[in-house]
Protein backbone atom coordinates (compact mmCIF):
# COMPACT_ATOMS: atom_id res chain seq x y z
CA MET A 1 0.00 0.00 0.00
CA GLU A 2 1.38 3.40 -0.95
CA ALA A 3 1.41 6.31 1.50
CA SER A 4 -1.23 8.13 -0.52
CA ASP A 5 -3.54 5.07 -0.25
CA SER A 6 -3.85 5.51 3.52
CA TYR A 7 -6.32 8.36 3.00
CA LEU A 8 -8.61 6.66 0.50
CA ILE A 9 -12.27 6.90 1.42
CA ARG A 10 -13.38 4.56 -1.37
CA PRO A 11 -11.76 1.29 -2.45
CA HIS A 12 -10.17 0.91 -5.86
CA HIS A 13 -12.52 -1.00 -8.17
CA GLN A 14 -10.36 -4.14 -8.13
CA HIS A 15 -10.47 -4.19 -4.29
CA LYS A 16 -14.20 -3.60 -3.92
CA PHE A 17 -16.14 -6.32 -2.09
CA LYS A 18 -17.54 -8.66 -4.74
CA PRO A 19 -20.43 -10.80 -3.46
CA ALA A 20 -20.13 -13.40 -6.25
CA ILE A 21 -16.50 -14.16 -5.38
CA VAL A 22 -17.25 -14.27 -1.65
CA LYS A 23 -20.29 -16.52 -2.18
CA GLU A 24 -18.09 -18.97 -4.10
CA CYS A 25 -15.58 -18.97 -1.21
CA ILE A 26 -18.40 -19.73 1.24
CA ARG A 27 -19.88 -22.44 -0.98
CA GLU A 28 -16.56 -24.20 -1.52
CA ILE A 29 -15.68 -24.39 2.18
CA VAL A 30 -19.15 -25.30 3.46
CA ARG A 31 -19.65 -28.09 0.94
CA GLU A 32 -16.17 -29.47 1.53
CA ARG A 33 -16.56 -29.47 5.30
CA LEU A 34 -20.25 -30.47 5.67
CA SER A 35 -20.88 -33.03 2.92
CA GLY A 36 -21.84 -36.27 4.64
CA VAL A 37 -21.80 -34.72 8.15
CA GLN A 38 -24.60 -35.74 10.53
CA TYR A 39 -26.14 -33.17 12.87
CA ASP A 40 -24.72 -33.45 16.38
CA PRO A 41 -25.75 -30.67 18.81
CA ASP A 42 -22.59 -31.24 20.87
CA GLN A 43 -20.34 -30.57 17.86
CA VAL A 44 -22.25 -27.62 16.36
CA PRO A 45 -20.60 -24.82 18.39
CA GLU A 46 -17.06 -25.86 17.44
CA LEU A 47 -18.05 -26.73 13.88
CA SER A 48 -19.69 -23.34 13.27
CA ARG A 49 -16.72 -21.50 14.84
CA SER A 50 -14.24 -23.44 12.73
CA LEU A 51 -16.28 -22.87 9.54
CA ALA A 52 -16.46 -19.13 10.26
CA ASP A 53 -12.68 -18.92 10.78
CA CYS A 54 -11.99 -20.89 7.60
CA ILE A 55 -14.37 -18.72 5.55
CA LYS A 56 -12.86 -15.51 6.96
CA ASP A 57 -9.33 -16.64 6.10
CA LYS A 58 -10.29 -17.59 2.55
CA VAL A 59 -12.12 -14.30 1.94
CA LYS A 60 -9.22 -12.28 3.39
CA ASN A 61 -6.88 -14.02 0.95
CA ALA A 62 -9.17 -13.05 -1.95
CA GLY A 63 -7.73 -9.51 -1.81
CA PHE A 64 -10.40 -7.33 -0.24
CA ASP A 65 -7.96 -4.86 1.29
CA ARG A 66 -9.20 -2.55 4.03
CA TYR A 67 -12.43 -4.45 4.63
CA LYS A 68 -13.55 -5.48 8.07
CA LEU A 69 -15.16 -8.90 7.66
CA VAL A 70 -17.92 -10.29 9.86
CA VAL A 71 -18.72 -13.96 9.28
CA GLN A 72 -21.90 -15.51 10.61
CA VAL A 73 -22.54 -19.27 10.49
CA VAL A 74 -25.78 -20.88 11.65
CA ILE A 75 -26.12 -24.67 11.73
CA GLY A 76 -29.37 -26.41 12.61
CA GLU A 77 -30.98 -29.80 12.47
CA GLN A 78 -32.88 -30.60 9.28
CA ARG A 79 -36.36 -31.59 10.40
CA GLY A 80 -38.43 -30.55 7.40
CA GLN A 81 -39.57 -27.30 8.99
CA GLY A 82 -39.01 -23.77 7.76
CA VAL A 83 -36.61 -21.36 9.40
CA LYS A 84 -36.83 -17.58 9.20
CA MET A 85 -33.87 -15.38 9.96
CA SER A 86 -32.92 -11.75 9.47
CA SER A 87 -30.00 -9.42 10.13
CA ARG A 88 -29.53 -5.69 10.17
CA CYS A 89 -26.43 -3.63 9.63
CA PHE A 90 -25.56 0.01 9.14
CA TRP A 91 -23.33 0.41 6.16
CA ASP A 92 -22.21 2.54 3.28
CA ALA A 93 -24.17 1.35 0.23
CA ASP A 94 -21.34 2.46 -2.10
CA THR A 95 -18.59 0.34 -0.53
CA ASP A 96 -20.04 -2.26 1.85
CA ASN A 97 -21.81 -5.46 0.88
CA TYR A 98 -22.50 -9.06 1.88
CA ALA A 99 -22.69 -12.57 0.47
CA GLU A 100 -24.44 -15.66 1.77
CA ASP A 101 -24.95 -19.28 0.88
CA ILE A 102 -27.16 -22.08 2.19
CA PHE A 103 -26.18 -25.74 2.44
CA MET A 104 -28.54 -28.60 3.28
CA ASN A 105 -28.23 -32.34 3.55
CA GLU A 106 -30.56 -34.98 5.04
CA SER A 107 -29.39 -34.20 8.58
CA LEU A 108 -28.57 -30.48 8.82
CA PHE A 109 -28.76 -27.04 7.27
CA CYS A 110 -26.14 -24.31 7.32
CA LEU A 111 -26.51 -20.62 6.53
CA ALA A 112 -23.20 -18.80 6.18
CA ALA A 113 -22.91 -15.06 5.54
CA VAL A 114 -20.01 -12.64 5.18
CA PHE A 115 -20.50 -8.91 5.70
CA GLY A 116 -17.75 -6.69 4.33
CA SER A 117 -17.42 -3.14 5.62
CA TYR A 118 -14.79 -0.82 4.11
CA TYR A 119 -12.72 1.19 6.56
CA TYR A 120 -10.54 4.19 5.88
């Protein structure tokens, strides 16, 4: 990063948060780690924490400089019922964004989301 970049209030286009790229990062990790996994309530806290860390590391390495990343992972038992969920954030619509993906198998569901907030 050059000295003049330290005062940027908007990211360069190539460093802007791109939901499609982030969604692919989420999808790849979640499918790799959860395919064939059976729901176990005793393992869910550690599994969701480890998934969130893995997703955060992969997204950081995708080159979104100067973004604060918040990763949320929810894992629940698949019982054929619907689940409703919502989140709220304050953000700058020009620079901040999010990506999410849903994974389901016969035993569990997983909703993973990444919120990217640009800081200057």
